[in-house]
PDB file of N, CA and C in Angstrom:
ATOM      1  N   MET A   1       0.965  -1.335   0.129  1.00  0.00           N
ATOM      2  CA  MET A   1       0.071   0.462   0.401  1.00  0.00           C
ATOM      3  C   MET A   1       0.898   0.909  -0.072  1.00  0.00           C
ATOM      4  N   THR A   2       0.552   1.615  -0.439  1.00  0.00           N
ATOM      5  CA  THR A   2       1.842   3.659  -1.000  1.00  0.00           C
ATOM      6  C   THR A   2       0.719   4.532  -0.623  1.00  0.00           C
ATOM      7  N   PRO A   3       1.410   5.137   0.446  1.00  0.00           N
ATOM      8  CA  PRO A   3       1.003   7.148   0.577  1.00  0.00           C
ATOM      9  C   PRO A   3      -0.577   7.636   0.057  1.00  0.00           C
ATOM     10  N   ALA A   4      -0.547   7.459  -1.138  1.00  0.00           N
ATOM     11  CA  ALA A   4      -1.397   8.520  -1.742  1.00  0.00           C
ATOM     12  C   ALA A   4      -2.427   7.094  -1.396  1.00  0.00           C
ATOM     13  N   ASP A   5      -2.553   5.944  -1.918  1.00  0.00           N
ATOM     14  CA  ASP A   5      -3.814   5.252  -1.101  1.00  0.00           C
ATOM     15  C   ASP A   5      -4.140   4.809   0.397  1.00  0.00           C
ATOM     16  N   ALA A   6      -2.682   5.232   1.602  1.00  0.00           N
ATOM     17  CA  ALA A   6      -3.652   5.450   2.746  1.00  0.00           C
ATOM     18  C   ALA A   6      -4.124   6.615   3.149  1.00  0.00           C
ATOM     19  N   ARG A   7      -4.025   7.807   2.163  1.00  0.00           N
ATOM     20  CA  ARG A   7      -4.186   8.848   2.501  1.00  0.00           C
ATOM     21  C   ARG A   7      -6.083   8.941   1.753  1.00  0.00           C
ATOM     22  N   SER A   8      -5.766   8.397   0.750  1.00  0.00           N
ATOM     23  CA  SER A   8      -7.693   8.146  -0.005  1.00  0.00           C
ATOM     24  C   SER A   8      -8.408   7.113   0.809  1.00  0.00           C
ATOM     25  N   ILE A   9      -7.656   6.279   1.907  1.00  0.00           N
ATOM     26  CA  ILE A   9      -8.828   5.573   2.584  1.00  0.00           C
ATOM     27  C   ILE A   9      -9.160   6.200   3.924  1.00  0.00           C
ATOM     28  N   ARG A  10      -7.771   7.177   4.285  1.00  0.00           N
ATOM     29  CA  ARG A  10      -8.182   8.014   5.220  1.00  0.00           C
ATOM     30  C   ARG A  10      -9.532   8.953   5.285  1.00  0.00           C
ATOM     31  N   PRO A  11      -9.702   9.667   4.475  1.00  0.00           N
ATOM     32  CA  PRO A  11     -10.394  10.416   4.716  1.00  0.00           C
ATOM     33  C   PRO A  11     -11.876   9.859   4.463  1.00  0.00           C
ATOM     34  N   ARG A  12     -12.187   8.646   4.573  1.00  0.00           N
ATOM     35  CA  ARG A  12     -13.377   8.317   4.238  1.00  0.00           C
ATOM     36  C   ARG A  12     -13.806   6.772   5.588  1.00  0.00           C
ATOM     37  N   THR A  13     -12.656   6.710   5.960  1.00  0.00           N
ATOM     38  CA  THR A  13     -13.419   6.593   6.813  1.00  0.00           C
ATOM     39  C   THR A  13     -13.207   6.706   8.303  1.00  0.00           C
ATOM     40  N   VAL A  14     -12.587   8.173   8.736  1.00  0.00           N
ATOM     41  CA  VAL A  14     -12.731   9.125  10.262  1.00  0.00           C
ATOM     42  C   VAL A  14     -14.051   9.307  10.268  1.00  0.00           C
ATOM     43  N   PRO A  15     -14.779  10.193   9.579  1.00  0.00           N
ATOM     44  CA  PRO A  15     -16.552  10.139   9.372  1.00  0.00           C
ATOM     45  C   PRO A  15     -17.281   9.205   9.740  1.00  0.00           C
ATOM     46  N   VAL A  16     -17.179   7.539   9.258  1.00  0.00           N
ATOM     47  CA  VAL A  16     -17.771   6.663  10.069  1.00  0.00           C
ATOM     48  C   VAL A  16     -17.111   6.517  11.742  1.00  0.00           C
ATOM     49  N   VAL A  17     -15.852   6.134  11.711  1.00  0.00           N
ATOM     50  CA  VAL A  17     -15.219   6.226  12.973  1.00  0.00           C
ATOM     51  C   VAL A  17     -16.472   7.327  14.187  1.00  0.00           C
ATOM     52  N   VAL A  18     -17.194   8.886  13.566  1.00  0.00           N
ATOM     53  CA  VAL A  18     -16.536   9.744  13.882  1.00  0.00           C
ATOM     54  C   VAL A  18     -19.193   9.398  14.364  1.00  0.00           C
ATOM     55  N   ALA A  19     -19.185   9.233  13.171  1.00  0.00           N
ATOM     56  CA  ALA A  19     -20.403   8.813  13.010  1.00  0.00           C
ATOM     57  C   ALA A  19     -21.288   7.727  13.984  1.00  0.00           C
ATOM     58  N   ILE A  20     -20.177   6.484  14.373  1.00  0.00           N
ATOM     59  CA  ILE A  20     -20.159   4.872  15.165  1.00  0.00           C
ATOM     60  C   ILE A  20     -20.368   5.846  15.857  1.00  0.00           C
ATOM     61  N   VAL A  21     -18.823   6.484  16.766  1.00  0.00           N
ATOM     62  CA  VAL A  21     -18.880   7.640  18.369  1.00  0.00           C
ATOM     63  C   VAL A  21     -20.407   7.752  18.593  1.00  0.00           C
ATOM     64  N   PHE A  22     -21.198   8.889  17.347  1.00  0.00           N
ATOM     65  CA  PHE A  22     -22.241   9.064  18.060  1.00  0.00           C
ATOM     66  C   PHE A  22     -23.206   8.165  17.907  1.00  0.00           C
ATOM     67  N   GLY A  23     -23.324   7.763  17.346  1.00  0.00           N
ATOM     68  CA  GLY A  23     -24.486   6.771  16.858  1.00  0.00           C
ATOM     69  C   GLY A  23     -24.554   5.313  18.432  1.00  0.00           C
ATOM     70  N   LEU A  24     -23.657   5.342  18.887  1.00  0.00           N
ATOM     71  CA  LEU A  24     -23.331   4.711  20.760  1.00  0.00           C
ATOM     72  C   LEU A  24     -24.319   5.604  21.420  1.00  0.00           C
ATOM     73  N   VAL A  25     -23.807   7.027  21.123  1.00  0.00           N
ATOM     74  CA  VAL A  25     -24.605   8.446  22.381  1.00  0.00           C
ATOM     75  C   VAL A  25     -26.111   8.212  21.861  1.00  0.00           C
ATOM     76  N   TYR A  26     -26.336   8.188  20.766  1.00  0.00           N
ATOM     77  CA  TYR A  26     -28.057   8.054  20.379  1.00  0.00           C
ATOM     78  C   TYR A  26     -28.675   6.993  20.596  1.00  0.00           C
ATOM     79  N   ALA A  27     -27.668   6.092  20.690  1.00  0.00           N
ATOM     80  CA  ALA A  27     -28.137   4.120  20.863  1.00  0.00           C
ATOM     81  C   ALA A  27     -29.183   4.600  22.854  1.00  0.00           C
ATOM     82  N   TYR A  28     -27.400   4.982  23.493  1.00  0.00           N
ATOM     83  CA  TYR A  28     -27.961   5.017  24.375  1.00  0.00           C
ATOM     84  C   TYR A  28     -29.925   5.607  24.638  1.00  0.00           C
ATOM     85  N   ASP A  29     -29.722   7.136  24.274  1.00  0.00           N
ATOM     86  CA  ASP A  29     -30.851   7.651  24.473  1.00  0.00           C
ATOM     87  C   ASP A  29     -32.466   6.847  23.462  1.00  0.00           C
ATOM     88  N   LEU A  30     -32.519   6.171  22.722  1.00  0.00           N
ATOM     89  CA  LEU A  30     -32.971   4.953  22.245  1.00  0.00           C
ATOM     90  C   LEU A  30     -33.239   3.985  23.080  1.00  0.00           C
ATOM     91  N   TRP A  31     -32.054   3.471  24.227  1.00  0.00           N
ATOM     92  CA  TRP A  31     -32.552   2.429  25.037  1.00  0.00           C
ATOM     93  C   TRP A  31     -33.262   2.943  25.885  1.00  0.00           C
ATOM     94  N   GLU A  32     -32.922   4.477  26.957  1.00  0.00           N
ATOM     95  CA  GLU A  32     -34.107   5.335  27.311  1.00  0.00           C
ATOM     96  C   GLU A  32     -35.126   5.181  27.129  1.00  0.00           C
ATOM     97  N   ALA A  33     -35.719   5.807  26.029  1.00  0.00           N
ATOM     98  CA  ALA A  33     -36.982   4.852  25.351  1.00  0.00           C
ATOM     99  C   ALA A  33     -37.415   3.950  25.779  1.00  0.00           C
ATOM    100  N   ILE A  34     -37.032   3.085  25.101  1.00  0.00           N
ATOM    101  CA  ILE A  34     -37.443   1.524  25.402  1.00  0.00           C
ATOM    102  C   ILE A  34     -37.276   1.680  26.515  1.00  0.00           C
ATOM    103  N   SER A  35     -36.380   1.838  27.748  1.00  0.00           N
ATOM    104  CA  SER A  35     -36.987   1.476  29.019  1.00  0.00           C
ATOM    105  C   SER A  35     -37.775   2.204  29.192  1.00  0.00           C
ATOM    106  N   ASN A  36     -38.259   3.387  28.750  1.00  0.00           N
ATOM    107  CA  ASN A  36     -39.568   4.117  29.226  1.00  0.00           C
ATOM    108  C   ASN A  36     -41.266   3.403  28.626  1.00  0.00           C
ATOM    109  N   LEU A  37     -40.600   3.060  27.092  1.00  0.00           N
ATOM    110  CA  LEU A  37     -41.596   2.065  26.287  1.00  0.00           C
ATOM    111  C   LEU A  37     -42.454   1.207  27.841  1.00  0.00           C
ATOM    112  N   VAL A  38     -41.458   0.929  28.037  1.00  0.00           N
ATOM    113  CA  VAL A  38     -42.007  -1.209  29.006  1.00  0.00           C
ATOM    114  C   VAL A  38     -42.221  -0.827  30.438  1.00  0.00           C
ATOM    115  N   ALA A  39     -41.420   0.394  31.247  1.00  0.00           N
ATOM    116  CA  ALA A  39     -41.796   0.347  32.451  1.00  0.00           C
ATOM    117  C   ALA A  39     -43.126   0.932  32.998  1.00  0.00           C
ATOM    118  N   VAL A  40     -43.080   2.297  32.116  1.00  0.00           N
ATOM    119  CA  VAL A  40     -44.233   3.133  32.026  1.00  0.00           C
ATOM    120  C   VAL A  40     -45.732   2.382  32.137  1.00  0.00           C
ATOM    121  N   PRO A  41     -45.935   1.506  31.808  1.00  0.00           N
ATOM    122  CA  PRO A  41     -47.216   0.953  31.543  1.00  0.00           C
ATOM    123  C   PRO A  41     -47.788   0.623  32.952  1.00  0.00           C
ATOM    124  N   GLN A  42     -46.111  -0.717  32.695  1.00  0.00           N
ATOM    125  CA  GLN A  42     -46.342  -1.322  34.130  1.00  0.00           C
ATOM    126  C   GLN A  42     -46.900  -0.339  35.428  1.00  0.00           C
ATOM    127  N   GLN A  43     -45.778   0.689  35.790  1.00  0.00           N
ATOM    128  CA  GLN A  43     -46.349   1.505  36.599  1.00  0.00           C
ATOM    129  C   GLN A  43     -47.006   2.668  36.906  1.00  0.00           C
ATOM    130  N   LEU A  44     -47.253   2.568  35.737  1.00  0.00           N
ATOM    131  CA  LEU A  44     -48.689   3.140  35.897  1.00  0.00           C
ATOM    132  C   LEU A  44     -50.859   2.021  35.694  1.00  0.00           C
ATOM    133  N   ALA A  45     -49.504   1.117  35.510  1.00  0.00           N
ATOM    134  CA  ALA A  45     -50.754  -0.702  35.379  1.00  0.00           C
ATOM    135  C   ALA A  45     -51.415  -0.799  37.553  1.00  0.00           C
ATOM    136  N   ALA A  46     -49.469  -0.097  38.210  1.00  0.00           N
ATOM    137  CA  ALA A  46     -49.747  -0.312  39.708  1.00  0.00           C
ATOM    138  C   ALA A  46     -50.423   0.968  40.396  1.00  0.00           C
ATOM    139  N   TYR A  47     -50.377   1.962  39.687  1.00  0.00           N
ATOM    140  CA  TYR A  47     -50.685   3.071  40.278  1.00  0.00           C
ATOM    141  C   TYR A  47     -52.387   3.634  40.110  1.00  0.00           C
ATOM    142  N   ASN A  48     -52.797   2.515  39.252  1.00  0.00           N
ATOM    143  CA  ASN A  48     -54.369   2.950  38.021  1.00  0.00           C
ATOM    144  C   ASN A  48     -55.297   2.176  39.408  1.00  0.00           C
ATOM    145  N   VAL A  49     -54.169   0.749  40.107  1.00  0.00           N
ATOM    146  CA  VAL A  49     -54.808  -0.340  41.014  1.00  0.00           C
ATOM    147  C   VAL A  49     -55.449   0.535  42.131  1.00  0.00           C
ATOM    148  N   PHE A  50     -54.195   1.252  42.548  1.00  0.00           N
ATOM    149  CA  PHE A  50     -54.536   2.098  43.604  1.00  0.00           C
ATOM    150  C   PHE A  50     -56.041   3.075  43.906  1.00  0.00           C
ATOM    151  N   LEU A  51     -55.601   3.926  42.371  1.00  0.00           N
ATOM    152  CA  LEU A  51     -56.502   4.690  42.191  1.00  0.00           C
ATOM    153  C   LEU A  51     -57.824   4.123  42.080  1.00  0.00           C
ATOM    154  N   ILE A  52     -57.777   2.895  41.352  1.00  0.00           N
ATOM    155  CA  ILE A  52     -59.517   2.113  41.530  1.00  0.00           C
ATOM    156  C   ILE A  52     -59.507   1.687  43.199  1.00  0.00           C
ATOM    157  N   GLU A  53     -58.739   1.511  43.975  1.00  0.00           N
ATOM    158  CA  GLU A  53     -59.200   1.042  44.600  1.00  0.00           C
ATOM    159  C   GLU A  53     -59.578   2.102  45.704  1.00  0.00           C
ATOM    160  N   ASN A  54     -59.650   3.516  45.081  1.00  0.00           N
ATOM    161  CA  ASN A  54     -60.158   4.321  46.047  1.00  0.00           C
ATOM    162  C   ASN A  54     -60.804   5.178  45.589  1.00  0.00           C
ATOM    163  N   ASP A  55     -61.502   4.724  43.854  1.00  0.00           N
ATOM    164  CA  ASP A  55     -62.849   5.020  43.734  1.00  0.00           C
ATOM    165  C   ASP A  55     -62.011   6.476  43.182  1.00  0.00           C
ATOM    166  N   LEU A  56     -60.805   6.498  41.786  1.00  0.00           N
ATOM    167  CA  LEU A  56     -60.553   7.450  42.302  1.00  0.00           C
ATOM    168  C   LEU A  56     -60.262   7.078  40.259  1.00  0.00           C
ATOM    169  N   THR A  57     -60.555   8.486  38.966  1.00  0.00           N
ATOM    170  CA  THR A  57     -60.505   8.136  38.243  1.00  0.00           C
ATOM    171  C   THR A  57     -59.371   8.135  37.530  1.00  0.00           C
ATOM    172  N   PRO A  58     -58.869   6.616  37.121  1.00  0.00           N
ATOM    173  CA  PRO A  58     -57.667   5.595  36.535  1.00  0.00           C
ATOM    174  C   PRO A  58     -56.924   6.868  35.467  1.00  0.00           C
ATOM    175  N   VAL A  59     -54.758   6.506  35.251  1.00  0.00           N
ATOM    176  CA  VAL A  59     -54.758   6.834  34.390  1.00  0.00           C
ATOM    177  C   VAL A  59     -54.158   6.100  33.266  1.00  0.00           C
ATOM    178  N   PRO A  60     -54.479   6.910  31.884  1.00  0.00           N
ATOM    179  CA  PRO A  60     -54.232   6.487  30.569  1.00  0.00           C
ATOM    180  C   PRO A  60     -52.937   6.419  30.497  1.00  0.00           C
ATOM    181  N   VAL A  61     -51.910   5.662  29.372  1.00  0.00           N
ATOM    182  CA  VAL A  61     -51.225   5.622  29.558  1.00  0.00           C
ATOM    183  C   VAL A  61     -50.708   6.691  28.309  1.00  0.00           C
ATOM    184  N   PRO A  62     -49.589   7.241  27.981  1.00  0.00           N
ATOM    185  CA  PRO A  62     -49.425   8.032  27.070  1.00  0.00           C
ATOM    186  C   PRO A  62     -48.833   7.552  26.056  1.00  0.00           C
ATOM    187  N   TRP A  63     -49.396   6.566  24.891  1.00  0.00           N
ATOM    188  CA  TRP A  63     -48.443   5.426  24.427  1.00  0.00           C
ATOM    189  C   TRP A  63     -48.277   7.348  23.137  1.00  0.00           C
ATOM    190  N   ALA A  64     -48.590   8.459  22.633  1.00  0.00           N
ATOM    191  CA  ALA A  64     -47.763   9.327  21.972  1.00  0.00           C
ATOM    192  C   ALA A  64     -47.353   9.383  22.438  1.00  0.00           C
ATOM    193  N   VAL A  65     -47.138  10.325  23.338  1.00  0.00           N
ATOM    194  CA  VAL A  65     -45.591  10.843  23.951  1.00  0.00           C
ATOM    195  C   VAL A  65     -44.029   9.203  23.981  1.00  0.00           C
ATOM    196  N   LEU A  66     -44.756   8.475  24.590  1.00  0.00           N
ATOM    197  CA  LEU A  66     -43.965   7.168  24.782  1.00  0.00           C
ATOM    198  C   LEU A  66     -43.323   6.696  23.226  1.00  0.00           C
ATOM    199  N   ILE A  67     -44.159   6.590  22.575  1.00  0.00           N
ATOM    200  CA  ILE A  67     -43.651   5.854  20.867  1.00  0.00           C
ATOM    201  C   ILE A  67     -42.733   7.340  20.350  1.00  0.00           C
ATOM    202  N   VAL A  68     -43.218   9.181  20.521  1.00  0.00           N
ATOM    203  CA  VAL A  68     -42.709   9.937  19.601  1.00  0.00           C
ATOM    204  C   VAL A  68     -40.952   9.794  21.014  1.00  0.00           C
ATOM    205  N   ASN A  69     -40.917  10.056  21.525  1.00  0.00           N
ATOM    206  CA  ASN A  69     -40.135   9.653  22.398  1.00  0.00           C
ATOM    207  C   ASN A  69     -38.861   8.213  22.271  1.00  0.00           C
ATOM    208  N   LEU A  70     -39.586   7.158  21.513  1.00  0.00           N
ATOM    209  CA  LEU A  70     -38.735   6.055  20.646  1.00  0.00           C
ATOM    210  C   LEU A  70     -38.340   6.536  20.047  1.00  0.00           C
ATOM    211  N   LEU A  71     -38.945   7.203  18.995  1.00  0.00           N
ATOM    212  CA  LEU A  71     -38.660   7.235  17.189  1.00  0.00           C
ATOM    213  C   LEU A  71     -37.972   9.391  17.276  1.00  0.00           C
ATOM    214  N   LEU A  72     -37.734  10.055  18.253  1.00  0.00           N
ATOM    215  CA  LEU A  72     -37.265  11.148  18.593  1.00  0.00           C
ATOM    216  C   LEU A  72     -34.816  10.652  18.095  1.00  0.00           C
ATOM    217  N   PRO A  73     -34.204   9.562  18.846  1.00  0.00           N
ATOM    218  CA  PRO A  73     -33.048   9.566  19.016  1.00  0.00           C
ATOM    219  C   PRO A  73     -32.479   8.812  16.813  1.00  0.00           C
ATOM    220  N   PRO A  74     -33.060   8.072  16.668  1.00  0.00           N
ATOM    221  CA  PRO A  74     -33.018   7.289  15.500  1.00  0.00           C
ATOM    222  C   PRO A  74     -33.372   8.953  14.376  1.00  0.00           C
ATOM    223  N   ALA A  75     -34.291   9.643  14.490  1.00  0.00           N
ATOM    224  CA  ALA A  75     -34.722  10.312  13.858  1.00  0.00           C
ATOM    225  C   ALA A  75     -33.834  11.443  13.586  1.00  0.00           C
ATOM    226  N   ALA A  76     -33.200  12.103  14.541  1.00  0.00           N
ATOM    227  CA  ALA A  76     -32.294  13.160  15.430  1.00  0.00           C
ATOM    228  C   ALA A  76     -30.941  12.465  14.536  1.00  0.00           C
ATOM    229  N   PHE A  77     -30.901  11.042  14.588  1.00  0.00           N
ATOM    230  CA  PHE A  77     -29.579  10.975  13.950  1.00  0.00           C
ATOM    231  C   PHE A  77     -29.289  10.392  12.743  1.00  0.00           C
ATOM    232  N   VAL A  78     -30.726  10.245  12.383  1.00  0.00           N
ATOM    233  CA  VAL A  78     -30.843  10.048  10.517  1.00  0.00           C
ATOM    234  C   VAL A  78     -30.478  11.975   9.673  1.00  0.00           C
ATOM    235  N   VAL A  79     -31.207  12.525  10.152  1.00  0.00           N
ATOM    236  CA  VAL A  79     -31.447  14.284  10.044  1.00  0.00           C
ATOM    237  C   VAL A  79     -29.691  14.325  10.192  1.00  0.00           C
ATOM    238  N   ALA A  80     -29.317  14.799  11.647  1.00  0.00           N
ATOM    239  CA  ALA A  80     -27.610  14.713  12.066  1.00  0.00           C
ATOM    240  C   ALA A  80     -26.888  14.477  10.219  1.00  0.00           C
ATOM    241  N   TRP A  81     -27.217  13.299  10.026  1.00  0.00           N
ATOM    242  CA  TRP A  81     -25.683  12.216   9.441  1.00  0.00           C
ATOM    243  C   TRP A  81     -26.281  13.041   7.713  1.00  0.00           C
ATOM    244  N   TRP A  82     -27.463  12.835   7.730  1.00  0.00           N
ATOM    245  CA  TRP A  82     -27.740  13.744   6.391  1.00  0.00           C
ATOM    246  C   TRP A  82     -27.518  15.142   5.606  1.00  0.00           C
ATOM    247  N   VAL A  83     -27.229  15.598   6.121  1.00  0.00           N
ATOM    248  CA  VAL A  83     -27.366  17.117   6.675  1.00  0.00           C
ATOM    249  C   VAL A  83     -25.567  17.490   6.306  1.00  0.00           C
ATOM    250  N   GLY A  84     -24.826  16.252   7.375  1.00  0.00           N
ATOM    251  CA  GLY A  84     -23.423  16.571   7.688  1.00  0.00           C
ATOM    252  C   GLY A  84     -22.932  15.886   6.251  1.00  0.00           C
ATOM    253  N   ARG A  85     -23.680  14.987   5.815  1.00  0.00           N
ATOM    254  CA  ARG A  85     -23.131  13.789   4.954  1.00  0.00           C
ATOM    255  C   ARG A  85     -21.839  14.545   4.070  1.00  0.00           C
ATOM    256  N   ARG A  86     -21.527  15.879   2.945  1.00  0.00           N
ATOM    257  CA  ARG A  86     -20.910  15.843   2.423  1.00  0.00           C
ATOM    258  C   ARG A  86     -20.177  17.736   3.035  1.00  0.00           C
ATOM    259  N   ARG A  87     -20.713  17.436   4.200  1.00  0.00           N
ATOM    260  CA  ARG A  87     -19.924  18.213   4.857  1.00  0.00           C
ATOM    261  C   ARG A  87     -18.785  18.603   6.009  1.00  0.00           C
ATOM    262  N   PRO A  88     -17.533  19.556   5.990  1.00  0.00           N
ATOM    263  CA  PRO A  88     -16.466  18.309   6.539  1.00  0.00           C
ATOM    264  C   PRO A  88     -16.889  18.110   8.038  1.00  0.00           C
ATOM    265  N   LEU A  89     -15.955  17.419   8.837  1.00  0.00           N
ATOM    266  CA  LEU A  89     -15.155  16.469   9.638  1.00  0.00           C
ATOM    267  C   LEU A  89     -15.902  17.528  11.206  1.00  0.00           C
ATOM    268  N   LEU A  90     -16.005  18.323  11.134  1.00  0.00           N
ATOM    269  CA  LEU A  90     -15.472  19.481  11.777  1.00  0.00           C
ATOM    270  C   LEU A  90     -17.386  19.565  12.275  1.00  0.00           C
ATOM    271  N   VAL A  91     -17.391  19.495  10.659  1.00  0.00           N
ATOM    272  CA  VAL A  91     -19.466  19.858  11.142  1.00  0.00           C
ATOM    273  C   VAL A  91     -19.922  18.962  11.284  1.00  0.00           C
ATOM    274  N   GLN A  92     -19.419  17.663  11.065  1.00  0.00           N
ATOM    275  CA  GLN A  92     -20.418  16.831  10.911  1.00  0.00           C
ATOM    276  C   GLN A  92     -20.894  16.630  12.563  1.00  0.00           C
ATOM    277  N   ALA A  93     -19.506  16.373  12.766  1.00  0.00           N
ATOM    278  CA  ALA A  93     -19.688  16.626  14.574  1.00  0.00           C
ATOM    279  C   ALA A  93     -20.122  17.001  14.795  1.00  0.00           C
ATOM    280  N   LEU A  94     -20.140  18.273  14.951  1.00  0.00           N
ATOM    281  CA  LEU A  94     -21.106  19.246  15.522  1.00  0.00           C
ATOM    282  C   LEU A  94     -22.862  19.327  14.999  1.00  0.00           C
ATOM    283  N   LEU A  95     -22.946  18.970  13.736  1.00  0.00           N
ATOM    284  CA  LEU A  95     -24.109  18.641  13.581  1.00  0.00           C
ATOM    285  C   LEU A  95     -24.653  17.501  14.713  1.00  0.00           C
ATOM    286  N   TYR A  96     -23.708  16.452  14.926  1.00  0.00           N
ATOM    287  CA  TYR A  96     -24.181  15.138  16.112  1.00  0.00           C
ATOM    288  C   TYR A  96     -24.197  15.198  16.953  1.00  0.00           C
ATOM    289  N   LEU A  97     -23.613  16.109  16.879  1.00  0.00           N
ATOM    290  CA  LEU A  97     -23.445  17.546  18.986  1.00  0.00           C
ATOM    291  C   LEU A  97     -25.267  17.652  18.866  1.00  0.00           C
ATOM    292  N   VAL A  98     -25.303  18.525  18.048  1.00  0.00           N
ATOM    293  CA  VAL A  98     -26.840  19.453  18.191  1.00  0.00           C
ATOM    294  C   VAL A  98     -27.761  18.672  18.346  1.00  0.00           C
ATOM    295  N   GLY A  99     -27.338  17.465  16.704  1.00  0.00           N
ATOM    296  CA  GLY A  99     -28.726  16.628  17.469  1.00  0.00           C
ATOM    297  C   GLY A  99     -28.866  15.784  18.405  1.00  0.00           C
ATOM    298  N   LEU A 100     -27.676  16.073  18.909  1.00  0.00           N
ATOM    299  CA  LEU A 100     -27.814  15.148  20.360  1.00  0.00           C
ATOM    300  C   LEU A 100     -28.998  15.931  21.506  1.00  0.00           C
ATOM    301  N   CYS A 101     -28.420  17.401  21.415  1.00  0.00           N
ATOM    302  CA  CYS A 101     -29.174  18.632  22.717  1.00  0.00           C
ATOM    303  C   CYS A 101     -30.567  18.249  21.974  1.00  0.00           C
ATOM    304  N   VAL A 102     -30.111  18.937  21.109  1.00  0.00           N
ATOM    305  CA  VAL A 102     -32.350  18.408  20.447  1.00  0.00           C
ATOM    306  C   VAL A 102     -32.636  17.588  21.713  1.00  0.00           C
ATOM    307  N   VAL A 103     -32.075  15.951  20.869  1.00  0.00           N
ATOM    308  CA  VAL A 103     -32.800  14.651  21.641  1.00  0.00           C
ATOM    309  C   VAL A 103     -33.075  14.926  23.537  1.00  0.00           C
ATOM    310  N   ALA A 104     -31.688  15.536  24.065  1.00  0.00           N
ATOM    311  CA  ALA A 104     -32.270  15.825  25.490  1.00  0.00           C
ATOM    312  C   ALA A 104     -33.006  16.807  26.089  1.00  0.00           C
ATOM    313  N   ALA A 105     -32.834  17.914  25.267  1.00  0.00           N
ATOM    314  CA  ALA A 105     -34.082  18.496  25.302  1.00  0.00           C
ATOM    315  C   ALA A 105     -35.323  18.288  25.722  1.00  0.00           C
ATOM    316  N   LEU A 106     -35.657  17.483  24.159  1.00  0.00           N
ATOM    317  CA  LEU A 106     -37.317  17.299  23.854  1.00  0.00           C
ATOM    318  C   LEU A 106     -37.512  16.368  24.548  1.00  0.00           C
ATOM    319  N   THR A 107     -36.667  15.009  25.068  1.00  0.00           N
ATOM    320  CA  THR A 107     -36.785  13.855  25.613  1.00  0.00           C
ATOM    321  C   THR A 107     -37.732  14.342  27.129  1.00  0.00           C
ATOM    322  N   LEU A 108     -36.360  15.261  27.652  1.00  0.00           N
ATOM    323  CA  LEU A 108     -37.188  16.385  28.853  1.00  0.00           C
ATOM    324  C   LEU A 108     -38.369  16.450  29.032  1.00  0.00           C
ATOM    325  N   SER A 109     -38.582  16.922  27.715  1.00  0.00           N
ATOM    326  CA  SER A 109     -39.840  17.548  27.797  1.00  0.00           C
ATOM    327  C   SER A 109     -40.903  16.705  27.664  1.00  0.00           C
ATOM    328  N   LEU A 110     -40.646  15.736  26.963  1.00  0.00           N
ATOM    329  CA  LEU A 110     -41.620  14.762  26.886  1.00  0.00           C
ATOM    330  C   LEU A 110     -41.567  13.909  28.696  1.00  0.00           C
ATOM    331  N   THR A 111     -40.350  13.348  28.790  1.00  0.00           N
ATOM    332  CA  THR A 111     -40.431  12.960  30.188  1.00  0.00           C
ATOM    333  C   THR A 111     -41.452  13.864  31.588  1.00  0.00           C
ATOM    334  N   ALA A 112     -41.461  15.085  31.334  1.00  0.00           N
ATOM    335  CA  ALA A 112     -41.964  16.165  32.259  1.00  0.00           C
ATOM    336  C   ALA A 112     -43.073  15.811  31.993  1.00  0.00           C
ATOM    337  N   LEU A 113     -44.019  15.481  30.954  1.00  0.00           N
ATOM    338  CA  LEU A 113     -45.537  15.381  30.724  1.00  0.00           C
ATOM    339  C   LEU A 113     -46.012  14.428  31.071  1.00  0.00           C
ATOM    340  N   LEU A 114     -44.979  12.854  31.622  1.00  0.00           N
ATOM    341  CA  LEU A 114     -45.891  12.229  32.138  1.00  0.00           C
ATOM    342  C   LEU A 114     -45.576  11.902  33.691  1.00  0.00           C
TER     343      LEU A 114
END
């Protein structure tokens, strides 16, 4: 392999590595959304048993909020990738970071609705 070959390979692999690293952080947010999708209905079911025993109105499961929270991390990652795919590496990293900030802010807002 000549030095020219190494230089032609390097620019293609660095953005992929950056996307993978940020993808892992986005995957953590996705994992949190999945755990909310599983745990919140169970917690509300237990809470509703208490409410029904005390002649109060049960609380419905907020499925729309849970599903939007589930779709948010992959959608933000795809948008950040799509917008930054032909841009310099620093701009790509900043777009992934902005996407993470948007996901964090919206996730906290959606979680507050629960």
